[in-house]
Amino acid sequence: LFMLLAQYPGAALTSFAAIVLVGVFFISG
């Protein structure tokens, strides 16, 4: 996922958002 996001603008921001998503999915599940 992070290799894909690195190919588009704002990779640092979208990667951080992805980490947050994984973390919250982790918590809710």
mmCIF file of all heavy atoms, coordinates in Angstrom:
data_MODEL
# 
_entry.id   MODEL 
# 
loop_
_atom_site.group_PDB 
_atom_site.id 
_atom_site.type_symbol 
_atom_site.label_atom_id 
_atom_site.label_alt_id 
_atom_site.label_comp_id 
_atom_site.label_asym_id 
_atom_site.label_entity_id 
_atom_site.label_seq_id 
_atom_site.pdbx_PDB_ins_code 
_atom_site.Cartn_x 
_atom_site.Cartn_y 
_atom_site.Cartn_z 
_atom_site.occupancy 
_atom_site.B_iso_or_equiv 
_atom_site.pdbx_formal_charge 
_atom_site.auth_seq_id 
_atom_site.auth_comp_id 
_atom_site.auth_asym_id 
_atom_site.auth_atom_id 
_atom_site.pdbx_PDB_model_num 
ATOM 1   N N   . LEU A 1 1  ? 0.827   -1.202 0.000  1.00 0.00 ? 1  LEU A N   1 
ATOM 2   C CA  . LEU A 1 1  ? 0.000   0.000  0.000  1.00 0.00 ? 1  LEU A CA  1 
ATOM 3   C C   . LEU A 1 1  ? 0.867   1.260  0.000  1.00 0.00 ? 1  LEU A C   1 
ATOM 4   O O   . LEU A 1 1  ? 0.592   2.217  -0.736 1.00 0.00 ? 1  LEU A O   1 
ATOM 5   C CB  . LEU A 1 1  ? -0.927  -0.006 1.216  1.00 0.00 ? 1  LEU A CB  1 
ATOM 6   C CG  . LEU A 1 1  ? -1.760  1.264  1.434  1.00 0.00 ? 1  LEU A CG  1 
ATOM 7   C CD1 . LEU A 1 1  ? -2.661  1.539  0.232  1.00 0.00 ? 1  LEU A CD1 1 
ATOM 8   C CD2 . LEU A 1 1  ? -2.595  1.151  2.713  1.00 0.00 ? 1  LEU A CD2 1 
ATOM 9   N N   . PHE A 1 2  ? 1.920   1.254  0.789  1.00 0.00 ? 2  PHE A N   1 
ATOM 10  C CA  . PHE A 1 2  ? 2.767   2.447  0.896  1.00 0.00 ? 2  PHE A CA  1 
ATOM 11  C C   . PHE A 1 2  ? 3.605   2.655  -0.368 1.00 0.00 ? 2  PHE A C   1 
ATOM 12  O O   . PHE A 1 2  ? 3.893   3.796  -0.734 1.00 0.00 ? 2  PHE A O   1 
ATOM 13  C CB  . PHE A 1 2  ? 3.648   2.340  2.140  1.00 0.00 ? 2  PHE A CB  1 
ATOM 14  C CG  . PHE A 1 2  ? 2.849   2.170  3.401  1.00 0.00 ? 2  PHE A CG  1 
ATOM 15  C CD1 . PHE A 1 2  ? 2.733   0.928  4.008  1.00 0.00 ? 2  PHE A CD1 1 
ATOM 16  C CD2 . PHE A 1 2  ? 2.158   3.237  3.945  1.00 0.00 ? 2  PHE A CD2 1 
ATOM 17  C CE1 . PHE A 1 2  ? 1.974   0.764  5.147  1.00 0.00 ? 2  PHE A CE1 1 
ATOM 18  C CE2 . PHE A 1 2  ? 1.383   3.081  5.085  1.00 0.00 ? 2  PHE A CE2 1 
ATOM 19  C CZ  . PHE A 1 2  ? 1.293   1.842  5.690  1.00 0.00 ? 2  PHE A CZ  1 
ATOM 20  N N   . MET A 1 3  ? 3.947   1.573  -1.058 1.00 0.00 ? 3  MET A N   1 
ATOM 21  C CA  . MET A 1 3  ? 4.643   1.711  -2.336 1.00 0.00 ? 3  MET A CA  1 
ATOM 22  C C   . MET A 1 3  ? 3.724   2.333  -3.382 1.00 0.00 ? 3  MET A C   1 
ATOM 23  O O   . MET A 1 3  ? 4.158   3.124  -4.224 1.00 0.00 ? 3  MET A O   1 
ATOM 24  C CB  . MET A 1 3  ? 5.131   0.348  -2.819 1.00 0.00 ? 3  MET A CB  1 
ATOM 25  C CG  . MET A 1 3  ? 6.267   -0.246 -1.986 1.00 0.00 ? 3  MET A CG  1 
ATOM 26  S SD  . MET A 1 3  ? 7.746   0.796  -1.996 1.00 0.00 ? 3  MET A SD  1 
ATOM 27  C CE  . MET A 1 3  ? 8.163   0.778  -3.734 1.00 0.00 ? 3  MET A CE  1 
ATOM 28  N N   . LEU A 1 4  ? 2.431   1.988  -3.341 1.00 0.00 ? 4  LEU A N   1 
ATOM 29  C CA  . LEU A 1 4  ? 1.474   2.603  -4.258 1.00 0.00 ? 4  LEU A CA  1 
ATOM 30  C C   . LEU A 1 4  ? 1.303   4.087  -3.952 1.00 0.00 ? 4  LEU A C   1 
ATOM 31  O O   . LEU A 1 4  ? 1.360   4.930  -4.856 1.00 0.00 ? 4  LEU A O   1 
ATOM 32  C CB  . LEU A 1 4  ? 0.123   1.886  -4.159 1.00 0.00 ? 4  LEU A CB  1 
ATOM 33  C CG  . LEU A 1 4  ? -1.034  2.544  -4.938 1.00 0.00 ? 4  LEU A CG  1 
ATOM 34  C CD1 . LEU A 1 4  ? -0.771  2.481  -6.439 1.00 0.00 ? 4  LEU A CD1 1 
ATOM 35  C CD2 . LEU A 1 4  ? -2.366  1.871  -4.602 1.00 0.00 ? 4  LEU A CD2 1 
ATOM 36  N N   . LEU A 1 5  ? 1.096   4.430  -2.692 1.00 0.00 ? 5  LEU A N   1 
ATOM 37  C CA  . LEU A 1 5  ? 0.883   5.830  -2.308 1.00 0.00 ? 5  LEU A CA  1 
ATOM 38  C C   . LEU A 1 5  ? 2.100   6.686  -2.632 1.00 0.00 ? 5  LEU A C   1 
ATOM 39  O O   . LEU A 1 5  ? 1.971   7.890  -2.918 1.00 0.00 ? 5  LEU A O   1 
ATOM 40  C CB  . LEU A 1 5  ? 0.552   5.925  -0.816 1.00 0.00 ? 5  LEU A CB  1 
ATOM 41  C CG  . LEU A 1 5  ? -0.758  5.243  -0.376 1.00 0.00 ? 5  LEU A CG  1 
ATOM 42  C CD1 . LEU A 1 5  ? -0.927  5.317  1.140  1.00 0.00 ? 5  LEU A CD1 1 
ATOM 43  C CD2 . LEU A 1 5  ? -1.957  5.874  -1.069 1.00 0.00 ? 5  LEU A CD2 1 
ATOM 44  N N   . ALA A 1 6  ? 3.285   6.088  -2.610 1.00 0.00 ? 6  ALA A N   1 
ATOM 45  C CA  . ALA A 1 6  ? 4.514   6.838  -2.900 1.00 0.00 ? 6  ALA A CA  1 
ATOM 46  C C   . ALA A 1 6  ? 4.566   7.326  -4.338 1.00 0.00 ? 6  ALA A C   1 
ATOM 47  O O   . ALA A 1 6  ? 5.346   8.235  -4.656 1.00 0.00 ? 6  ALA A O   1 
ATOM 48  C CB  . ALA A 1 6  ? 5.734   5.963  -2.607 1.00 0.00 ? 6  ALA A CB  1 
ATOM 49  N N   . GLN A 1 7  ? 3.736   6.768  -5.213 1.00 0.00 ? 7  GLN A N   1 
ATOM 50  C CA  . GLN A 1 7  ? 3.753   7.161  -6.622 1.00 0.00 ? 7  GLN A CA  1 
ATOM 51  C C   . GLN A 1 7  ? 2.833   8.344  -6.921 1.00 0.00 ? 7  GLN A C   1 
ATOM 52  O O   . GLN A 1 7  ? 2.744   8.778  -8.069 1.00 0.00 ? 7  GLN A O   1 
ATOM 53  C CB  . GLN A 1 7  ? 3.362   5.954  -7.490 1.00 0.00 ? 7  GLN A CB  1 
ATOM 54  C CG  . GLN A 1 7  ? 4.325   4.778  -7.351 1.00 0.00 ? 7  GLN A CG  1 
ATOM 55  C CD  . GLN A 1 7  ? 3.980   3.622  -8.261 1.00 0.00 ? 7  GLN A CD  1 
ATOM 56  O OE1 . GLN A 1 7  ? 3.068   3.712  -9.079 1.00 0.00 ? 7  GLN A OE1 1 
ATOM 57  N NE2 . GLN A 1 7  ? 4.715   2.517  -8.125 1.00 0.00 ? 7  GLN A NE2 1 
ATOM 58  N N   . TYR A 1 8  ? 2.157   8.867  -5.896 1.00 0.00 ? 8  TYR A N   1 
ATOM 59  C CA  . TYR A 1 8  ? 1.214   9.964  -6.102 1.00 0.00 ? 8  TYR A CA  1 
ATOM 60  C C   . TYR A 1 8  ? 1.578   11.141 -5.210 1.00 0.00 ? 8  TYR A C   1 
ATOM 61  O O   . TYR A 1 8  ? 2.323   10.989 -4.223 1.00 0.00 ? 8  TYR A O   1 
ATOM 62  C CB  . TYR A 1 8  ? -0.215  9.484  -5.808 1.00 0.00 ? 8  TYR A CB  1 
ATOM 63  C CG  . TYR A 1 8  ? -0.676  8.405  -6.753 1.00 0.00 ? 8  TYR A CG  1 
ATOM 64  C CD1 . TYR A 1 8  ? -0.762  7.078  -6.340 1.00 0.00 ? 8  TYR A CD1 1 
ATOM 65  C CD2 . TYR A 1 8  ? -0.996  8.700  -8.072 1.00 0.00 ? 8  TYR A CD2 1 
ATOM 66  C CE1 . TYR A 1 8  ? -1.170  6.076  -7.212 1.00 0.00 ? 8  TYR A CE1 1 
ATOM 67  C CE2 . TYR A 1 8  ? -1.408  7.711  -8.955 1.00 0.00 ? 8  TYR A CE2 1 
ATOM 68  C CZ  . TYR A 1 8  ? -1.492  6.411  -8.516 1.00 0.00 ? 8  TYR A CZ  1 
ATOM 69  O OH  . TYR A 1 8  ? -1.889  5.417  -9.384 1.00 0.00 ? 8  TYR A OH  1 
ATOM 70  N N   . PRO A 1 9  ? 1.041   12.332 -5.526 1.00 0.00 ? 9  PRO A N   1 
ATOM 71  C CA  . PRO A 1 9  ? 1.354   13.523 -4.712 1.00 0.00 ? 9  PRO A CA  1 
ATOM 72  C C   . PRO A 1 9  ? 0.900   13.350 -3.265 1.00 0.00 ? 9  PRO A C   1 
ATOM 73  O O   . PRO A 1 9  ? -0.052  12.620 -2.972 1.00 0.00 ? 9  PRO A O   1 
ATOM 74  C CB  . PRO A 1 9  ? 0.552   14.637 -5.407 1.00 0.00 ? 9  PRO A CB  1 
ATOM 75  C CG  . PRO A 1 9  ? 0.291   14.134 -6.782 1.00 0.00 ? 9  PRO A CG  1 
ATOM 76  C CD  . PRO A 1 9  ? 0.193   12.657 -6.680 1.00 0.00 ? 9  PRO A CD  1 
ATOM 77  N N   . GLY A 1 10 ? 1.601   14.034 -2.362 1.00 0.00 ? 10 GLY A N   1 
ATOM 78  C CA  . GLY A 1 10 ? 1.227   14.003 -0.945 1.00 0.00 ? 10 GLY A CA  1 
ATOM 79  C C   . GLY A 1 10 ? 1.409   12.653 -0.308 1.00 0.00 ? 10 GLY A C   1 
ATOM 80  O O   . GLY A 1 10 ? 0.617   12.256 0.555  1.00 0.00 ? 10 GLY A O   1 
ATOM 81  N N   . ALA A 1 11 ? 2.445   11.924 -0.702 1.00 0.00 ? 11 ALA A N   1 
ATOM 82  C CA  . ALA A 1 11 ? 2.631   10.554 -0.227 1.00 0.00 ? 11 ALA A CA  1 
ATOM 83  C C   . ALA A 1 11 ? 2.762   10.489 1.295  1.00 0.00 ? 11 ALA A C   1 
ATOM 84  O O   . ALA A 1 11 ? 2.245   9.563  1.930  1.00 0.00 ? 11 ALA A O   1 
ATOM 85  C CB  . ALA A 1 11 ? 3.847   9.930  -0.888 1.00 0.00 ? 11 ALA A CB  1 
ATOM 86  N N   . ALA A 1 12 ? 3.433   11.457 1.889  1.00 0.00 ? 12 ALA A N   1 
ATOM 87  C CA  . ALA A 1 12 ? 3.612   11.439 3.348  1.00 0.00 ? 12 ALA A CA  1 
ATOM 88  C C   . ALA A 1 12 ? 2.261   11.562 4.056  1.00 0.00 ? 12 ALA A C   1 
ATOM 89  O O   . ALA A 1 12 ? 1.981   10.838 5.023  1.00 0.00 ? 12 ALA A O   1 
ATOM 90  C CB  . ALA A 1 12 ? 4.544   12.565 3.774  1.00 0.00 ? 12 ALA A CB  1 
ATOM 91  N N   . LEU A 1 13 ? 1.414   12.466 3.559  1.00 0.00 ? 13 LEU A N   1 
ATOM 92  C CA  . LEU A 1 13 ? 0.106   12.676 4.186  1.00 0.00 ? 13 LEU A CA  1 
ATOM 93  C C   . LEU A 1 13 ? -0.800  11.462 3.990  1.00 0.00 ? 13 LEU A C   1 
ATOM 94  O O   . LEU A 1 13 ? -1.449  10.993 4.941  1.00 0.00 ? 13 LEU A O   1 
ATOM 95  C CB  . LEU A 1 13 ? -0.558  13.926 3.600  1.00 0.00 ? 13 LEU A CB  1 
ATOM 96  C CG  . LEU A 1 13 ? -1.968  14.250 4.128  1.00 0.00 ? 13 LEU A CG  1 
ATOM 97  C CD1 . LEU A 1 13 ? -1.917  14.485 5.631  1.00 0.00 ? 13 LEU A CD1 1 
ATOM 98  C CD2 . LEU A 1 13 ? -2.542  15.465 3.402  1.00 0.00 ? 13 LEU A CD2 1 
ATOM 99  N N   . THR A 1 14 ? -0.865  10.940 2.770  1.00 0.00 ? 14 THR A N   1 
ATOM 100 C CA  . THR A 1 14 ? -1.746  9.790  2.515  1.00 0.00 ? 14 THR A CA  1 
ATOM 101 C C   . THR A 1 14 ? -1.240  8.541  3.238  1.00 0.00 ? 14 THR A C   1 
ATOM 102 O O   . THR A 1 14 ? -2.044  7.724  3.704  1.00 0.00 ? 14 THR A O   1 
ATOM 103 C CB  . THR A 1 14 ? -1.858  9.512  1.013  1.00 0.00 ? 14 THR A CB  1 
ATOM 104 O OG1 . THR A 1 14 ? -0.540  9.349  0.441  1.00 0.00 ? 14 THR A OG1 1 
ATOM 105 C CG2 . THR A 1 14 ? -2.560  10.660 0.303  1.00 0.00 ? 14 THR A CG2 1 
ATOM 106 N N   . SER A 1 15 ? 0.078   8.392  3.344  1.00 0.00 ? 15 SER A N   1 
ATOM 107 C CA  . SER A 1 15 ? 0.615   7.243  4.079  1.00 0.00 ? 15 SER A CA  1 
ATOM 108 C C   . SER A 1 15 ? 0.282   7.338  5.564  1.00 0.00 ? 15 SER A C   1 
ATOM 109 O O   . SER A 1 15 ? -0.042  6.334  6.211  1.00 0.00 ? 15 SER A O   1 
ATOM 110 C CB  . SER A 1 15 ? 2.131   7.155  3.890  1.00 0.00 ? 15 SER A CB  1 
ATOM 111 O OG  . SER A 1 15 ? 2.461   6.894  2.542  1.00 0.00 ? 15 SER A OG  1 
ATOM 112 N N   . PHE A 1 16 ? 0.367   8.557  6.099  1.00 0.00 ? 16 PHE A N   1 
ATOM 113 C CA  . PHE A 1 16 ? -0.014  8.740  7.499  1.00 0.00 ? 16 PHE A CA  1 
ATOM 114 C C   . PHE A 1 16 ? -1.501  8.436  7.692  1.00 0.00 ? 16 PHE A C   1 
ATOM 115 O O   . PHE A 1 16 ? -1.893  7.787  8.670  1.00 0.00 ? 16 PHE A O   1 
ATOM 116 C CB  . PHE A 1 16 ? 0.293   10.176 7.938  1.00 0.00 ? 16 PHE A CB  1 
ATOM 117 C CG  . PHE A 1 16 ? -0.072  10.449 9.368  1.00 0.00 ? 16 PHE A CG  1 
ATOM 118 C CD1 . PHE A 1 16 ? 0.716   9.964  10.404 1.00 0.00 ? 16 PHE A CD1 1 
ATOM 119 C CD2 . PHE A 1 16 ? -1.208  11.176 9.686  1.00 0.00 ? 16 PHE A CD2 1 
ATOM 120 C CE1 . PHE A 1 16 ? 0.372   10.200 11.734 1.00 0.00 ? 16 PHE A CE1 1 
ATOM 121 C CE2 . PHE A 1 16 ? -1.559  11.422 11.002 1.00 0.00 ? 16 PHE A CE2 1 
ATOM 122 C CZ  . PHE A 1 16 ? -0.764  10.932 12.035 1.00 0.00 ? 16 PHE A CZ  1 
ATOM 123 N N   . ALA A 1 17 ? -2.337  8.883  6.733  1.00 0.00 ? 17 ALA A N   1 
ATOM 124 C CA  . ALA A 1 17 ? -3.773  8.580  6.803  1.00 0.00 ? 17 ALA A CA  1 
ATOM 125 C C   . ALA A 1 17 ? -4.013  7.078  6.751  1.00 0.00 ? 17 ALA A C   1 
ATOM 126 O O   . ALA A 1 17 ? -4.898  6.544  7.447  1.00 0.00 ? 17 ALA A O   1 
ATOM 127 C CB  . ALA A 1 17 ? -4.507  9.277  5.657  1.00 0.00 ? 17 ALA A CB  1 
ATOM 128 N N   . ALA A 1 18 ? -3.217  6.381  5.926  1.00 0.00 ? 18 ALA A N   1 
ATOM 129 C CA  . ALA A 1 18 ? -3.358  4.921  5.834  1.00 0.00 ? 18 ALA A CA  1 
ATOM 130 C C   . ALA A 1 18 ? -3.001  4.256  7.159  1.00 0.00 ? 18 ALA A C   1 
ATOM 131 O O   . ALA A 1 18 ? -3.668  3.301  7.589  1.00 0.00 ? 18 ALA A O   1 
ATOM 132 C CB  . ALA A 1 18 ? -2.474  4.384  4.720  1.00 0.00 ? 18 ALA A CB  1 
ATOM 133 N N   . ILE A 1 19 ? -1.961  4.749  7.821  1.00 0.00 ? 19 ILE A N   1 
ATOM 134 C CA  . ILE A 1 19 ? -1.576  4.193  9.126  1.00 0.00 ? 19 ILE A CA  1 
ATOM 135 C C   . ILE A 1 19 ? -2.699  4.412  10.136 1.00 0.00 ? 19 ILE A C   1 
ATOM 136 O O   . ILE A 1 19 ? -3.041  3.517  10.925 1.00 0.00 ? 19 ILE A O   1 
ATOM 137 C CB  . ILE A 1 19 ? -0.263  4.835  9.625  1.00 0.00 ? 19 ILE A CB  1 
ATOM 138 C CG1 . ILE A 1 19 ? 0.900   4.416  8.732  1.00 0.00 ? 19 ILE A CG1 1 
ATOM 139 C CG2 . ILE A 1 19 ? 0.012   4.433  11.074 1.00 0.00 ? 19 ILE A CG2 1 
ATOM 140 C CD1 . ILE A 1 19 ? 2.203   5.104  9.074  1.00 0.00 ? 19 ILE A CD1 1 
ATOM 141 N N   . VAL A 1 20 ? -3.289  5.613  10.106 1.00 0.00 ? 20 VAL A N   1 
ATOM 142 C CA  . VAL A 1 20 ? -4.415  5.897  11.003 1.00 0.00 ? 20 VAL A CA  1 
ATOM 143 C C   . VAL A 1 20 ? -5.577  4.948  10.711 1.00 0.00 ? 20 VAL A C   1 
ATOM 144 O O   . VAL A 1 20 ? -6.208  4.404  11.628 1.00 0.00 ? 20 VAL A O   1 
ATOM 145 C CB  . VAL A 1 20 ? -4.861  7.367  10.867 1.00 0.00 ? 20 VAL A CB  1 
ATOM 146 C CG1 . VAL A 1 20 ? -6.152  7.616  11.650 1.00 0.00 ? 20 VAL A CG1 1 
ATOM 147 C CG2 . VAL A 1 20 ? -3.765  8.309  11.350 1.00 0.00 ? 20 VAL A CG2 1 
ATOM 148 N N   . LEU A 1 21 ? -5.874  4.733  9.419  1.00 0.00 ? 21 LEU A N   1 
ATOM 149 C CA  . LEU A 1 21 ? -6.947  3.819  9.039  1.00 0.00 ? 21 LEU A CA  1 
ATOM 150 C C   . LEU A 1 21 ? -6.695  2.416  9.578  1.00 0.00 ? 21 LEU A C   1 
ATOM 151 O O   . LEU A 1 21 ? -7.588  1.790  10.154 1.00 0.00 ? 21 LEU A O   1 
ATOM 152 C CB  . LEU A 1 21 ? -7.079  3.773  7.519  1.00 0.00 ? 21 LEU A CB  1 
ATOM 153 C CG  . LEU A 1 21 ? -7.989  4.802  6.856  1.00 0.00 ? 21 LEU A CG  1 
ATOM 154 C CD1 . LEU A 1 21 ? -7.883  4.693  5.340  1.00 0.00 ? 21 LEU A CD1 1 
ATOM 155 C CD2 . LEU A 1 21 ? -9.438  4.595  7.279  1.00 0.00 ? 21 LEU A CD2 1 
ATOM 156 N N   . VAL A 1 22 ? -5.481  1.923  9.362  1.00 0.00 ? 22 VAL A N   1 
ATOM 157 C CA  . VAL A 1 22 ? -5.152  0.581  9.842  1.00 0.00 ? 22 VAL A CA  1 
ATOM 158 C C   . VAL A 1 22 ? -5.300  0.523  11.358 1.00 0.00 ? 22 VAL A C   1 
ATOM 159 O O   . VAL A 1 22 ? -5.866  -0.428 11.916 1.00 0.00 ? 22 VAL A O   1 
ATOM 160 C CB  . VAL A 1 22 ? -3.720  0.185  9.423  1.00 0.00 ? 22 VAL A CB  1 
ATOM 161 C CG1 . VAL A 1 22 ? -3.328  -1.144 10.068 1.00 0.00 ? 22 VAL A CG1 1 
ATOM 162 C CG2 . VAL A 1 22 ? -3.618  0.074  7.917  1.00 0.00 ? 22 VAL A CG2 1 
ATOM 163 N N   . GLY A 1 23 ? -4.808  1.560  12.035 1.00 0.00 ? 23 GLY A N   1 
ATOM 164 C CA  . GLY A 1 23 ? -4.889  1.584  13.488 1.00 0.00 ? 23 GLY A CA  1 
ATOM 165 C C   . GLY A 1 23 ? -6.320  1.592  13.993 1.00 0.00 ? 23 GLY A C   1 
ATOM 166 O O   . GLY A 1 23 ? -6.671  0.855  14.929 1.00 0.00 ? 23 GLY A O   1 
ATOM 167 N N   . VAL A 1 24 ? -7.173  2.389  13.370 1.00 0.00 ? 24 VAL A N   1 
ATOM 168 C CA  . VAL A 1 24 ? -8.561  2.467  13.834 1.00 0.00 ? 24 VAL A CA  1 
ATOM 169 C C   . VAL A 1 24 ? -9.334  1.207  13.451 1.00 0.00 ? 24 VAL A C   1 
ATOM 170 O O   . VAL A 1 24 ? -10.166 0.722  14.223 1.00 0.00 ? 24 VAL A O   1 
ATOM 171 C CB  . VAL A 1 24 ? -9.248  3.738  13.285 1.00 0.00 ? 24 VAL A CB  1 
ATOM 172 C CG1 . VAL A 1 24 ? -10.696 3.796  13.742 1.00 0.00 ? 24 VAL A CG1 1 
ATOM 173 C CG2 . VAL A 1 24 ? -8.518  4.980  13.757 1.00 0.00 ? 24 VAL A CG2 1 
ATOM 174 N N   . PHE A 1 25 ? -9.071  0.650  12.251 1.00 0.00 ? 25 PHE A N   1 
ATOM 175 C CA  . PHE A 1 25 ? -9.675  -0.636 11.903 1.00 0.00 ? 25 PHE A CA  1 
ATOM 176 C C   . PHE A 1 25 ? -9.222  -1.710 12.907 1.00 0.00 ? 25 PHE A C   1 
ATOM 177 O O   . PHE A 1 25 ? -10.005 -2.578 13.307 1.00 0.00 ? 25 PHE A O   1 
ATOM 178 C CB  . PHE A 1 25 ? -9.282  -1.056 10.495 1.00 0.00 ? 25 PHE A CB  1 
ATOM 179 C CG  . PHE A 1 25 ? -10.150 -0.463 9.416  1.00 0.00 ? 25 PHE A CG  1 
ATOM 180 C CD1 . PHE A 1 25 ? -9.585  0.084  8.273  1.00 0.00 ? 25 PHE A CD1 1 
ATOM 181 C CD2 . PHE A 1 25 ? -11.527 -0.466 9.525  1.00 0.00 ? 25 PHE A CD2 1 
ATOM 182 C CE1 . PHE A 1 25 ? -10.376 0.626  7.268  1.00 0.00 ? 25 PHE A CE1 1 
ATOM 183 C CE2 . PHE A 1 25 ? -12.333 0.067  8.526  1.00 0.00 ? 25 PHE A CE2 1 
ATOM 184 C CZ  . PHE A 1 25 ? -11.751 0.616  7.400  1.00 0.00 ? 25 PHE A CZ  1 
ATOM 185 N N   . PHE A 1 26 ? -7.951  -1.658 13.271 1.00 0.00 ? 26 PHE A N   1 
ATOM 186 C CA  . PHE A 1 26 ? -7.376  -2.546 14.279 1.00 0.00 ? 26 PHE A CA  1 
ATOM 187 C C   . PHE A 1 26 ? -8.185  -2.444 15.570 1.00 0.00 ? 26 PHE A C   1 
ATOM 188 O O   . PHE A 1 26 ? -8.646  -3.450 16.129 1.00 0.00 ? 26 PHE A O   1 
ATOM 189 C CB  . PHE A 1 26 ? -5.928  -2.101 14.510 1.00 0.00 ? 26 PHE A CB  1 
ATOM 190 C CG  . PHE A 1 26 ? -5.076  -2.979 15.376 1.00 0.00 ? 26 PHE A CG  1 
ATOM 191 C CD1 . PHE A 1 26 ? -3.845  -3.422 14.918 1.00 0.00 ? 26 PHE A CD1 1 
ATOM 192 C CD2 . PHE A 1 26 ? -5.464  -3.331 16.661 1.00 0.00 ? 26 PHE A CD2 1 
ATOM 193 C CE1 . PHE A 1 26 ? -3.022  -4.206 15.710 1.00 0.00 ? 26 PHE A CE1 1 
ATOM 194 C CE2 . PHE A 1 26 ? -4.643  -4.114 17.465 1.00 0.00 ? 26 PHE A CE2 1 
ATOM 195 C CZ  . PHE A 1 26 ? -3.420  -4.553 16.987 1.00 0.00 ? 26 PHE A CZ  1 
ATOM 196 N N   . ILE A 1 27 ? -8.388  -1.221 16.037 1.00 0.00 ? 27 ILE A N   1 
ATOM 197 C CA  . ILE A 1 27 ? -9.074  -0.997 17.310 1.00 0.00 ? 27 ILE A CA  1 
ATOM 198 C C   . ILE A 1 27 ? -10.544 -1.410 17.238 1.00 0.00 ? 27 ILE A C   1 
ATOM 199 O O   . ILE A 1 27 ? -11.051 -2.115 18.128 1.00 0.00 ? 27 ILE A O   1 
ATOM 200 C CB  . ILE A 1 27 ? -8.960  0.481  17.723 1.00 0.00 ? 27 ILE A CB  1 
ATOM 201 C CG1 . ILE A 1 27 ? -7.493  0.819  18.050 1.00 0.00 ? 27 ILE A CG1 1 
ATOM 202 C CG2 . ILE A 1 27 ? -9.838  0.781  18.938 1.00 0.00 ? 27 ILE A CG2 1 
ATOM 203 C CD1 . ILE A 1 27 ? -7.230  2.301  18.214 1.00 0.00 ? 27 ILE A CD1 1 
ATOM 204 N N   . SER A 1 28 ? -11.238 -0.998 16.162 1.00 0.00 ? 28 SER A N   1 
ATOM 205 C CA  . SER A 1 28 ? -12.672 -1.288 16.083 1.00 0.00 ? 28 SER A CA  1 
ATOM 206 C C   . SER A 1 28 ? -12.951 -2.778 15.935 1.00 0.00 ? 28 SER A C   1 
ATOM 207 O O   . SER A 1 28 ? -13.893 -3.313 16.535 1.00 0.00 ? 28 SER A O   1 
ATOM 208 C CB  . SER A 1 28 ? -13.309 -0.507 14.926 1.00 0.00 ? 28 SER A CB  1 
ATOM 209 O OG  . SER A 1 28 ? -12.729 -0.866 13.687 1.00 0.00 ? 28 SER A OG  1 
ATOM 210 N N   . GLY A 1 29 ? -12.120 -3.481 15.136 1.00 0.00 ? 29 GLY A N   1 
ATOM 211 C CA  . GLY A 1 29 ? -12.326 -4.919 14.977 1.00 0.00 ? 29 GLY A CA  1 
ATOM 212 C C   . GLY A 1 29 ? -12.046 -5.689 16.256 1.00 0.00 ? 29 GLY A C   1 
ATOM 213 O O   . GLY A 1 29 ? -12.828 -6.547 16.678 1.00 0.00 ? 29 GLY A O   1 
# 
